[in-house]
Amino acid sequence: MSGARPGARFGQSSSAAVSAQRQALLRPRQEHRTQRTALTAYTAFRERHYEPYLQYAALRMGRRGAAEEVVSAAFTELAVSWTVVLGSVGPAAVAWRILNDHVDRAVGCDQTAIAAVQDMQTLHDDACFLHEEMHLSRDRIAEVLGIRLADLPSLPPRSPEG
């Protein structure tokens, strides 16, 4: 018998090669699982946020049909970058900004005129709008805006109906 290892004589690979092959086989499964998880998260997010986003856009724009197009475009943009958004600190906040950008463009707001200093005022205005016009709870407003409840601006009492 020569000095060759018995495994090598029968065409078996070294343990490092076997490990590499095993990893190569598992990688597509892991990537597929990651993609499925991201898709599931996106679908759940869309189902949870679509209606308040649509109501918000329709109230700001005054036309439900146009609002549906704008919200659809915002969710399409969100879907394209979902894995990056999902990895961010505040996915719901990113999504809210995307929606607002689309609504602002649709109603003719000049994006260059909106300064970073106005962000808090915009957040406050959005929170008041969701509170007054859509009658959302403080918890739901924070969720829709993508902020912590503690960071939600103070809201005025609701106007009496009627």
N, C-alpha and C. Protein backbone atom coordinates (compact mmCIF):
# COMPACT_ATOMS: atom_id res chain seq x y z
N MET A 1 0.83 -1.17 0.00
CA MET A 1 0.00 0.00 0.00
C MET A 1 0.88 1.23 0.00
N SER A 2 0.53 2.22 -0.80
CA SER A 2 1.32 3.45 -0.85
C SER A 2 1.00 4.31 0.35
N GLY A 3 1.64 5.48 0.43
CA GLY A 3 1.45 6.36 1.58
C GLY A 3 0.20 7.20 1.49
N ALA A 4 -0.66 7.03 0.49
CA ALA A 4 -1.87 7.84 0.35
C ALA A 4 -2.88 7.46 1.43
N ARG A 5 -3.58 8.46 1.89
CA ARG A 5 -4.62 8.21 2.89
C ARG A 5 -5.75 7.42 2.25
N PRO A 6 -6.42 6.58 3.03
CA PRO A 6 -7.50 5.77 2.46
C PRO A 6 -8.60 6.63 1.86
N GLY A 7 -8.95 7.73 2.48
CA GLY A 7 -10.01 8.59 1.96
C GLY A 7 -9.63 9.19 0.63
N ALA A 8 -8.38 9.58 0.48
CA ALA A 8 -7.94 10.20 -0.77
C ALA A 8 -7.94 9.18 -1.89
N ARG A 9 -7.67 7.94 -1.55
CA ARG A 9 -7.65 6.88 -2.54
C ARG A 9 -9.02 6.69 -3.18
N PHE A 10 -10.10 6.96 -2.43
CA PHE A 10 -11.45 6.75 -2.94
C PHE A 10 -12.10 8.07 -3.41
N GLY A 11 -11.32 9.13 -3.57
CA GLY A 11 -11.83 10.39 -4.09
C GLY A 11 -12.51 11.26 -3.05
N GLN A 12 -12.33 10.98 -1.77
CA GLN A 12 -12.94 11.82 -0.74
C GLN A 12 -12.10 13.08 -0.55
N SER A 13 -12.77 14.19 -0.28
CA SER A 13 -12.11 15.47 -0.11
C SER A 13 -11.60 15.62 1.31
N SER A 14 -10.72 16.58 1.48
CA SER A 14 -10.24 16.89 2.83
C SER A 14 -11.38 17.50 3.63
N SER A 15 -11.24 17.54 4.94
CA SER A 15 -12.32 18.08 5.78
C SER A 15 -12.55 19.55 5.50
N ALA A 16 -11.53 20.31 5.14
CA ALA A 16 -11.70 21.73 4.81
C ALA A 16 -12.54 21.88 3.53
N ALA A 17 -12.27 21.04 2.57
CA ALA A 17 -13.03 21.11 1.31
C ALA A 17 -14.48 20.70 1.54
N VAL A 18 -14.70 19.70 2.37
CA VAL A 18 -16.07 19.27 2.68
C VAL A 18 -16.81 20.39 3.39
N SER A 19 -16.14 21.03 4.31
CA SER A 19 -16.75 22.15 5.04
C SER A 19 -17.11 23.29 4.08
N ALA A 20 -16.21 23.58 3.14
CA ALA A 20 -16.47 24.63 2.16
C ALA A 20 -17.65 24.27 1.27
N GLN A 21 -17.72 23.01 0.88
CA GLN A 21 -18.84 22.56 0.05
C GLN A 21 -20.15 22.66 0.81
N ARG A 22 -20.12 22.27 2.07
CA ARG A 22 -21.32 22.33 2.91
C ARG A 22 -21.78 23.79 3.05
N GLN A 23 -20.85 24.71 3.28
CA GLN A 23 -21.19 26.13 3.39
C GLN A 23 -21.78 26.67 2.09
N ALA A 24 -21.20 26.23 0.96
CA ALA A 24 -21.70 26.67 -0.35
C ALA A 24 -23.13 26.19 -0.57
N LEU A 25 -23.45 25.00 -0.09
CA LEU A 25 -24.80 24.49 -0.22
C LEU A 25 -25.77 25.20 0.71
N LEU A 26 -25.32 25.58 1.90
CA LEU A 26 -26.18 26.23 2.88
C LEU A 26 -26.41 27.70 2.58
N ARG A 27 -25.45 28.37 1.96
CA ARG A 27 -25.54 29.81 1.70
C ARG A 27 -26.80 30.19 0.93
N PRO A 28 -27.14 29.53 -0.17
CA PRO A 28 -28.37 29.91 -0.86
C PRO A 28 -29.62 29.74 0.01
N ARG A 29 -29.63 28.70 0.83
CA ARG A 29 -30.77 28.48 1.73
C ARG A 29 -30.87 29.63 2.74
N GLN A 30 -29.74 30.03 3.30
CA GLN A 30 -29.73 31.12 4.28
C GLN A 30 -30.16 32.43 3.62
N GLU A 31 -29.65 32.70 2.41
CA GLU A 31 -30.05 33.92 1.70
C GLU A 31 -31.54 33.88 1.38
N HIS A 32 -32.03 32.74 0.98
CA HIS A 32 -33.45 32.59 0.68
C HIS A 32 -34.29 32.82 1.94
N ARG A 33 -33.85 32.27 3.06
CA ARG A 33 -34.55 32.44 4.33
C ARG A 33 -34.54 33.92 4.74
N THR A 34 -33.41 34.60 4.55
CA THR A 34 -33.31 36.02 4.87
C THR A 34 -34.25 36.84 3.99
N GLN A 35 -34.31 36.51 2.71
CA GLN A 35 -35.21 37.21 1.80
C GLN A 35 -36.67 36.98 2.17
N ARG A 36 -37.01 35.75 2.53
CA ARG A 36 -38.38 35.44 2.95
C ARG A 36 -38.74 36.22 4.21
N THR A 37 -37.81 36.28 5.15
CA THR A 37 -38.04 37.00 6.40
C THR A 37 -38.26 38.48 6.13
N ALA A 38 -37.43 39.07 5.26
CA ALA A 38 -37.57 40.48 4.91
C ALA A 38 -38.90 40.73 4.21
N LEU A 39 -39.28 39.84 3.31
CA LEU A 39 -40.55 39.98 2.60
C LEU A 39 -41.73 39.89 3.57
N THR A 40 -41.64 38.97 4.51
CA THR A 40 -42.69 38.83 5.52
C THR A 40 -42.79 40.09 6.37
N ALA A 41 -41.64 40.63 6.77
CA ALA A 41 -41.63 41.87 7.57
C ALA A 41 -42.21 43.03 6.78
N TYR A 42 -41.85 43.13 5.50
CA TYR A 42 -42.38 44.21 4.65
C TYR A 42 -43.90 44.07 4.51
N THR A 43 -44.36 42.87 4.25
CA THR A 43 -45.80 42.62 4.08
C THR A 43 -46.56 42.99 5.35
N ALA A 44 -46.03 42.61 6.49
CA ALA A 44 -46.68 42.94 7.76
C ALA A 44 -46.68 44.46 7.99
N PHE A 45 -45.56 45.10 7.68
CA PHE A 45 -45.47 46.55 7.84
C PHE A 45 -46.48 47.24 6.94
N ARG A 46 -46.54 46.82 5.70
CA ARG A 46 -47.48 47.43 4.75
C ARG A 46 -48.92 47.24 5.21
N GLU A 47 -49.27 46.05 5.64
CA GLU A 47 -50.63 45.80 6.10
C GLU A 47 -50.98 46.67 7.31
N ARG A 48 -50.02 46.86 8.19
CA ARG A 48 -50.25 47.63 9.42
C ARG A 48 -50.32 49.14 9.14
N HIS A 49 -49.57 49.63 8.15
CA HIS A 49 -49.45 51.06 7.94
C HIS A 49 -50.19 51.60 6.71
N TYR A 50 -50.64 50.73 5.83
CA TYR A 50 -51.24 51.21 4.58
C TYR A 50 -52.44 52.12 4.84
N GLU A 51 -53.36 51.68 5.65
CA GLU A 51 -54.60 52.45 5.84
C GLU A 51 -54.35 53.82 6.47
N PRO A 52 -53.57 53.92 7.56
CA PRO A 52 -53.32 55.28 8.08
C PRO A 52 -52.54 56.15 7.09
N TYR A 53 -51.62 55.55 6.33
CA TYR A 53 -50.89 56.31 5.32
C TYR A 53 -51.86 56.83 4.26
N LEU A 54 -52.78 55.98 3.84
CA LEU A 54 -53.75 56.37 2.82
C LEU A 54 -54.68 57.47 3.34
N GLN A 55 -55.15 57.31 4.56
CA GLN A 55 -56.03 58.33 5.14
C GLN A 55 -55.29 59.66 5.25
N TYR A 56 -54.05 59.62 5.70
CA TYR A 56 -53.25 60.83 5.84
C TYR A 56 -53.07 61.51 4.48
N ALA A 57 -52.68 60.74 3.47
CA ALA A 57 -52.45 61.30 2.13
C ALA A 57 -53.76 61.86 1.56
N ALA A 58 -54.86 61.13 1.73
CA ALA A 58 -56.14 61.59 1.21
C ALA A 58 -56.58 62.89 1.88
N LEU A 59 -56.38 62.99 3.18
CA LEU A 59 -56.75 64.21 3.89
C LEU A 59 -55.89 65.39 3.44
N ARG A 60 -54.60 65.14 3.26
CA ARG A 60 -53.72 66.24 2.83
C ARG A 60 -53.95 66.62 1.38
N MET A 61 -54.26 65.64 0.54
CA MET A 61 -54.38 65.90 -0.88
C MET A 61 -55.80 66.23 -1.31
N GLY A 62 -56.77 65.77 -0.54
CA GLY A 62 -58.16 66.05 -0.87
C GLY A 62 -58.76 65.14 -1.93
N ARG A 63 -57.99 64.17 -2.40
CA ARG A 63 -58.47 63.25 -3.44
C ARG A 63 -57.97 61.84 -3.12
N ARG A 64 -58.90 60.94 -2.88
CA ARG A 64 -58.52 59.58 -2.49
C ARG A 64 -57.79 58.85 -3.62
N GLY A 65 -58.24 59.00 -4.86
CA GLY A 65 -57.59 58.31 -5.98
C GLY A 65 -56.13 58.72 -6.12
N ALA A 66 -55.88 60.01 -6.04
CA ALA A 66 -54.49 60.51 -6.13
C ALA A 66 -53.69 60.04 -4.91
N ALA A 67 -54.34 60.00 -3.77
CA ALA A 67 -53.67 59.55 -2.55
C ALA A 67 -53.26 58.08 -2.68
N GLU A 68 -54.11 57.26 -3.28
CA GLU A 68 -53.78 55.85 -3.47
C GLU A 68 -52.53 55.70 -4.34
N GLU A 69 -52.43 56.52 -5.39
CA GLU A 69 -51.26 56.47 -6.25
C GLU A 69 -50.00 56.89 -5.50
N VAL A 70 -50.11 57.93 -4.70
CA VAL A 70 -48.96 58.43 -3.94
C VAL A 70 -48.52 57.40 -2.90
N VAL A 71 -49.47 56.81 -2.19
CA VAL A 71 -49.12 55.81 -1.18
C VAL A 71 -48.52 54.57 -1.84
N SER A 72 -49.06 54.19 -2.96
CA SER A 72 -48.51 53.05 -3.70
C SER A 72 -47.06 53.35 -4.12
N ALA A 73 -46.81 54.56 -4.61
CA ALA A 73 -45.45 54.94 -5.00
C ALA A 73 -44.51 54.95 -3.79
N ALA A 74 -45.01 55.43 -2.66
CA ALA A 74 -44.18 55.45 -1.45
C ALA A 74 -43.84 54.03 -1.01
N PHE A 75 -44.82 53.13 -1.04
CA PHE A 75 -44.55 51.75 -0.65
C PHE A 75 -43.65 51.04 -1.66
N THR A 76 -43.75 51.41 -2.93
CA THR A 76 -42.85 50.84 -3.92
C THR A 76 -41.41 51.28 -3.63
N GLU A 77 -41.23 52.56 -3.35
CA GLU A 77 -39.89 53.05 -2.99
C GLU A 77 -39.39 52.34 -1.73
N LEU A 78 -40.26 52.18 -0.78
CA LEU A 78 -39.90 51.49 0.46
C LEU A 78 -39.52 50.04 0.19
N ALA A 79 -40.27 49.36 -0.66
CA ALA A 79 -39.98 47.95 -0.97
C ALA A 79 -38.61 47.79 -1.61
N VAL A 80 -38.26 48.72 -2.50
CA VAL A 80 -36.98 48.63 -3.20
C VAL A 80 -35.81 48.71 -2.22
N SER A 81 -35.96 49.52 -1.18
CA SER A 81 -34.87 49.69 -0.23
C SER A 81 -35.16 49.03 1.12
N TRP A 82 -36.11 48.10 1.15
CA TRP A 82 -36.60 47.54 2.42
C TRP A 82 -35.50 46.93 3.28
N THR A 83 -34.60 46.16 2.71
CA THR A 83 -33.59 45.51 3.55
C THR A 83 -32.70 46.54 4.21
N VAL A 84 -32.40 47.64 3.52
CA VAL A 84 -31.61 48.71 4.12
C VAL A 84 -32.43 49.42 5.19
N VAL A 85 -33.69 49.71 4.87
CA VAL A 85 -34.58 50.38 5.82
C VAL A 85 -34.77 49.52 7.06
N LEU A 86 -34.96 48.23 6.85
CA LEU A 86 -35.17 47.31 7.96
C LEU A 86 -33.96 47.28 8.89
N GLY A 87 -32.78 47.47 8.34
CA GLY A 87 -31.56 47.49 9.14
C GLY A 87 -31.30 48.82 9.81
N SER A 88 -32.12 49.82 9.54
CA SER A 88 -31.91 51.14 10.14
C SER A 88 -32.44 51.16 11.57
N VAL A 89 -32.12 52.22 12.27
CA VAL A 89 -32.55 52.36 13.66
C VAL A 89 -34.07 52.48 13.76
N GLY A 90 -34.68 53.18 12.80
CA GLY A 90 -36.12 53.39 12.86
C GLY A 90 -36.80 53.19 11.53
N PRO A 91 -37.11 51.95 11.15
CA PRO A 91 -37.74 51.70 9.86
C PRO A 91 -39.05 52.47 9.66
N ALA A 92 -39.88 52.56 10.69
CA ALA A 92 -41.16 53.26 10.54
C ALA A 92 -40.94 54.76 10.32
N ALA A 93 -39.91 55.32 10.95
CA ALA A 93 -39.60 56.74 10.75
C ALA A 93 -39.12 56.99 9.32
N VAL A 94 -38.31 56.08 8.80
CA VAL A 94 -37.84 56.20 7.41
C VAL A 94 -39.03 56.11 6.47
N ALA A 95 -39.91 55.17 6.72
CA ALA A 95 -41.10 54.99 5.87
C ALA A 95 -41.98 56.24 5.91
N TRP A 96 -42.13 56.83 7.09
CA TRP A 96 -42.95 58.04 7.22
C TRP A 96 -42.34 59.19 6.42
N ARG A 97 -41.02 59.31 6.46
CA ARG A 97 -40.36 60.36 5.67
C ARG A 97 -40.56 60.12 4.17
N ILE A 98 -40.47 58.87 3.75
CA ILE A 98 -40.69 58.55 2.34
C ILE A 98 -42.12 58.93 1.94
N LEU A 99 -43.09 58.56 2.77
CA LEU A 99 -44.48 58.92 2.49
C LEU A 99 -44.63 60.43 2.40
N ASN A 100 -44.09 61.15 3.38
CA ASN A 100 -44.22 62.60 3.38
C ASN A 100 -43.57 63.23 2.15
N ASP A 101 -42.44 62.72 1.72
CA ASP A 101 -41.79 63.25 0.52
C ASP A 101 -42.72 63.10 -0.69
N HIS A 102 -43.36 61.93 -0.80
CA HIS A 102 -44.27 61.70 -1.92
C HIS A 102 -45.50 62.60 -1.85
N VAL A 103 -46.07 62.75 -0.66
CA VAL A 103 -47.25 63.60 -0.50
C VAL A 103 -46.86 65.06 -0.76
N ASP A 104 -45.74 65.50 -0.19
CA ASP A 104 -45.29 66.88 -0.41
C ASP A 104 -45.13 67.19 -1.89
N ARG A 105 -44.50 66.28 -2.62
CA ARG A 105 -44.33 66.48 -4.07
C ARG A 105 -45.69 66.55 -4.76
N ALA A 106 -46.61 65.69 -4.35
CA ALA A 106 -47.93 65.65 -4.99
C ALA A 106 -48.73 66.93 -4.74
N VAL A 107 -48.55 67.54 -3.57
CA VAL A 107 -49.29 68.78 -3.29
C VAL A 107 -48.49 70.02 -3.68
N GLY A 108 -47.30 69.82 -4.23
CA GLY A 108 -46.53 70.94 -4.75
C GLY A 108 -45.62 71.63 -3.77
N CYS A 109 -45.28 70.97 -2.67
CA CYS A 109 -44.33 71.56 -1.72
C CYS A 109 -42.94 71.51 -2.32
N ASP A 110 -42.20 72.58 -2.16
CA ASP A 110 -40.83 72.64 -2.65
C ASP A 110 -39.92 71.97 -1.63
N GLN A 111 -39.36 70.82 -2.01
CA GLN A 111 -38.52 70.05 -1.10
C GLN A 111 -37.30 70.82 -0.64
N THR A 112 -36.75 71.68 -1.50
CA THR A 112 -35.54 72.43 -1.12
C THR A 112 -35.85 73.49 -0.08
N ALA A 113 -37.11 73.88 0.01
CA ALA A 113 -37.48 74.91 0.98
C ALA A 113 -37.67 74.34 2.38
N ILE A 114 -37.75 73.02 2.49
CA ILE A 114 -37.97 72.40 3.80
C ILE A 114 -36.62 72.19 4.47
N ALA A 115 -36.34 72.96 5.49
CA ALA A 115 -35.05 72.88 6.17
C ALA A 115 -35.11 71.87 7.31
N ALA A 116 -33.94 71.39 7.72
CA ALA A 116 -33.86 70.42 8.82
C ALA A 116 -34.40 71.01 10.12
N VAL A 117 -34.34 72.30 10.26
CA VAL A 117 -34.84 72.96 11.47
C VAL A 117 -36.34 72.76 11.61
N GLN A 118 -37.01 72.59 10.49
CA GLN A 118 -38.46 72.44 10.50
C GLN A 118 -38.90 71.03 10.85
N ASP A 119 -37.97 70.09 10.98
CA ASP A 119 -38.34 68.70 11.22
C ASP A 119 -39.21 68.53 12.46
N MET A 120 -38.83 69.18 13.55
CA MET A 120 -39.63 69.03 14.78
C MET A 120 -41.01 69.64 14.61
N GLN A 121 -41.10 70.78 13.93
CA GLN A 121 -42.41 71.39 13.70
C GLN A 121 -43.25 70.49 12.80
N THR A 122 -42.61 69.92 11.79
CA THR A 122 -43.32 69.01 10.90
C THR A 122 -43.81 67.79 11.66
N LEU A 123 -42.95 67.24 12.52
CA LEU A 123 -43.34 66.10 13.34
C LEU A 123 -44.53 66.46 14.23
N HIS A 124 -44.47 67.62 14.84
CA HIS A 124 -45.56 68.08 15.70
C HIS A 124 -46.85 68.25 14.88
N ASP A 125 -46.72 68.87 13.71
CA ASP A 125 -47.89 69.07 12.85
C ASP A 125 -48.49 67.74 12.41
N ASP A 126 -47.63 66.80 12.03
CA ASP A 126 -48.11 65.49 11.62
C ASP A 126 -48.81 64.78 12.78
N ALA A 127 -48.21 64.85 13.96
CA ALA A 127 -48.82 64.21 15.12
C ALA A 127 -50.19 64.81 15.42
N CYS A 128 -50.27 66.14 15.38
CA CYS A 128 -51.56 66.80 15.62
C CYS A 128 -52.58 66.42 14.56
N PHE A 129 -52.14 66.33 13.32
CA PHE A 129 -53.03 65.95 12.22
C PHE A 129 -53.57 64.55 12.44
N LEU A 130 -52.70 63.61 12.76
CA LEU A 130 -53.13 62.23 12.99
C LEU A 130 -54.06 62.14 14.20
N HIS A 131 -53.83 62.98 15.18
CA HIS A 131 -54.64 63.01 16.39
C HIS A 131 -56.01 63.63 16.11
N GLU A 132 -56.01 64.83 15.52
CA GLU A 132 -57.25 65.58 15.30
C GLU A 132 -58.10 65.02 14.17
N GLU A 133 -57.47 64.76 13.03
CA GLU A 133 -58.23 64.39 11.84
C GLU A 133 -58.52 62.90 11.74
N MET A 134 -57.59 62.09 12.23
CA MET A 134 -57.75 60.64 12.07
C MET A 134 -58.10 59.96 13.39
N HIS A 135 -58.06 60.70 14.48
CA HIS A 135 -58.45 60.21 15.80
C HIS A 135 -57.65 58.99 16.24
N LEU A 136 -56.36 58.98 15.92
CA LEU A 136 -55.50 57.88 16.34
C LEU A 136 -55.06 58.10 17.79
N SER A 137 -54.82 57.01 18.49
CA SER A 137 -54.33 57.10 19.86
C SER A 137 -52.87 57.55 19.86
N ARG A 138 -52.37 57.98 21.00
CA ARG A 138 -50.97 58.40 21.11
C ARG A 138 -50.04 57.24 20.72
N ASP A 139 -50.35 56.03 21.18
CA ASP A 139 -49.51 54.87 20.85
C ASP A 139 -49.47 54.64 19.34
N ARG A 140 -50.63 54.70 18.71
CA ARG A 140 -50.70 54.46 17.26
C ARG A 140 -50.01 55.59 16.49
N ILE A 141 -50.14 56.82 16.93
CA ILE A 141 -49.47 57.94 16.28
C ILE A 141 -47.95 57.73 16.33
N ALA A 142 -47.44 57.37 17.50
CA ALA A 142 -46.00 57.13 17.62
C ALA A 142 -45.57 56.00 16.70
N GLU A 143 -46.38 54.96 16.62
CA GLU A 143 -46.05 53.83 15.74
C GLU A 143 -46.04 54.26 14.28
N VAL A 144 -47.07 54.99 13.86
CA VAL A 144 -47.17 55.42 12.46
C VAL A 144 -46.03 56.37 12.10
N LEU A 145 -45.68 57.28 13.01
CA LEU A 145 -44.60 58.22 12.74
C LEU A 145 -43.22 57.58 12.89
N GLY A 146 -43.18 56.42 13.53
CA GLY A 146 -41.91 55.73 13.70
C GLY A 146 -41.05 56.34 14.78
N ILE A 147 -41.68 56.84 15.83
CA ILE A 147 -40.93 57.43 16.93
C ILE A 147 -41.33 56.75 18.24
N ARG A 148 -40.48 56.96 19.25
CA ARG A 148 -40.83 56.42 20.58
C ARG A 148 -41.96 57.25 21.15
N LEU A 149 -42.81 56.62 21.92
CA LEU A 149 -43.93 57.32 22.55
C LEU A 149 -43.43 58.50 23.37
N ALA A 150 -42.29 58.33 24.03
CA ALA A 150 -41.72 59.40 24.85
C ALA A 150 -41.31 60.61 24.00
N ASP A 151 -41.03 60.40 22.71
CA ASP A 151 -40.62 61.49 21.82
C ASP A 151 -41.80 62.15 21.11
N LEU A 152 -42.99 61.62 21.33
CA LEU A 152 -44.17 62.19 20.70
C LEU A 152 -44.45 63.57 21.29
N PRO A 153 -44.60 64.58 20.44
CA PRO A 153 -44.89 65.92 20.97
C PRO A 153 -46.22 65.93 21.71
N SER A 154 -46.37 66.90 22.58
CA SER A 154 -47.65 66.99 23.30
C SER A 154 -48.74 67.33 22.30
N LEU A 155 -49.90 66.78 22.55
CA LEU A 155 -51.02 66.95 21.63
C LEU A 155 -52.13 67.72 22.34
N PRO A 156 -52.80 68.60 21.60
CA PRO A 156 -53.91 69.32 22.20
C PRO A 156 -55.10 68.39 22.40
N PRO A 157 -56.01 68.76 23.29
CA PRO A 157 -57.21 67.94 23.41
C PRO A 157 -57.96 67.94 22.08
N ARG A 158 -58.64 66.86 21.80
CA ARG A 158 -59.40 66.77 20.54
C ARG A 158 -60.52 67.81 20.53
N SER A 159 -60.75 68.34 19.35
CA SER A 159 -61.87 69.27 19.18
C SER A 159 -63.16 68.50 19.36
N PRO A 160 -64.14 69.14 19.98
CA PRO A 160 -65.44 68.44 20.10
C PRO A 160 -66.04 68.20 18.73
N GLU A 161 -66.61 67.04 18.56
CA GLU A 161 -67.24 66.69 17.28
C GLU A 161 -68.49 67.54 17.10
N GLY A 162 -68.64 68.03 15.89
CA GLY A 162 -69.82 68.57 15.57
C GLY A 162 -70.44 69.77 15.50
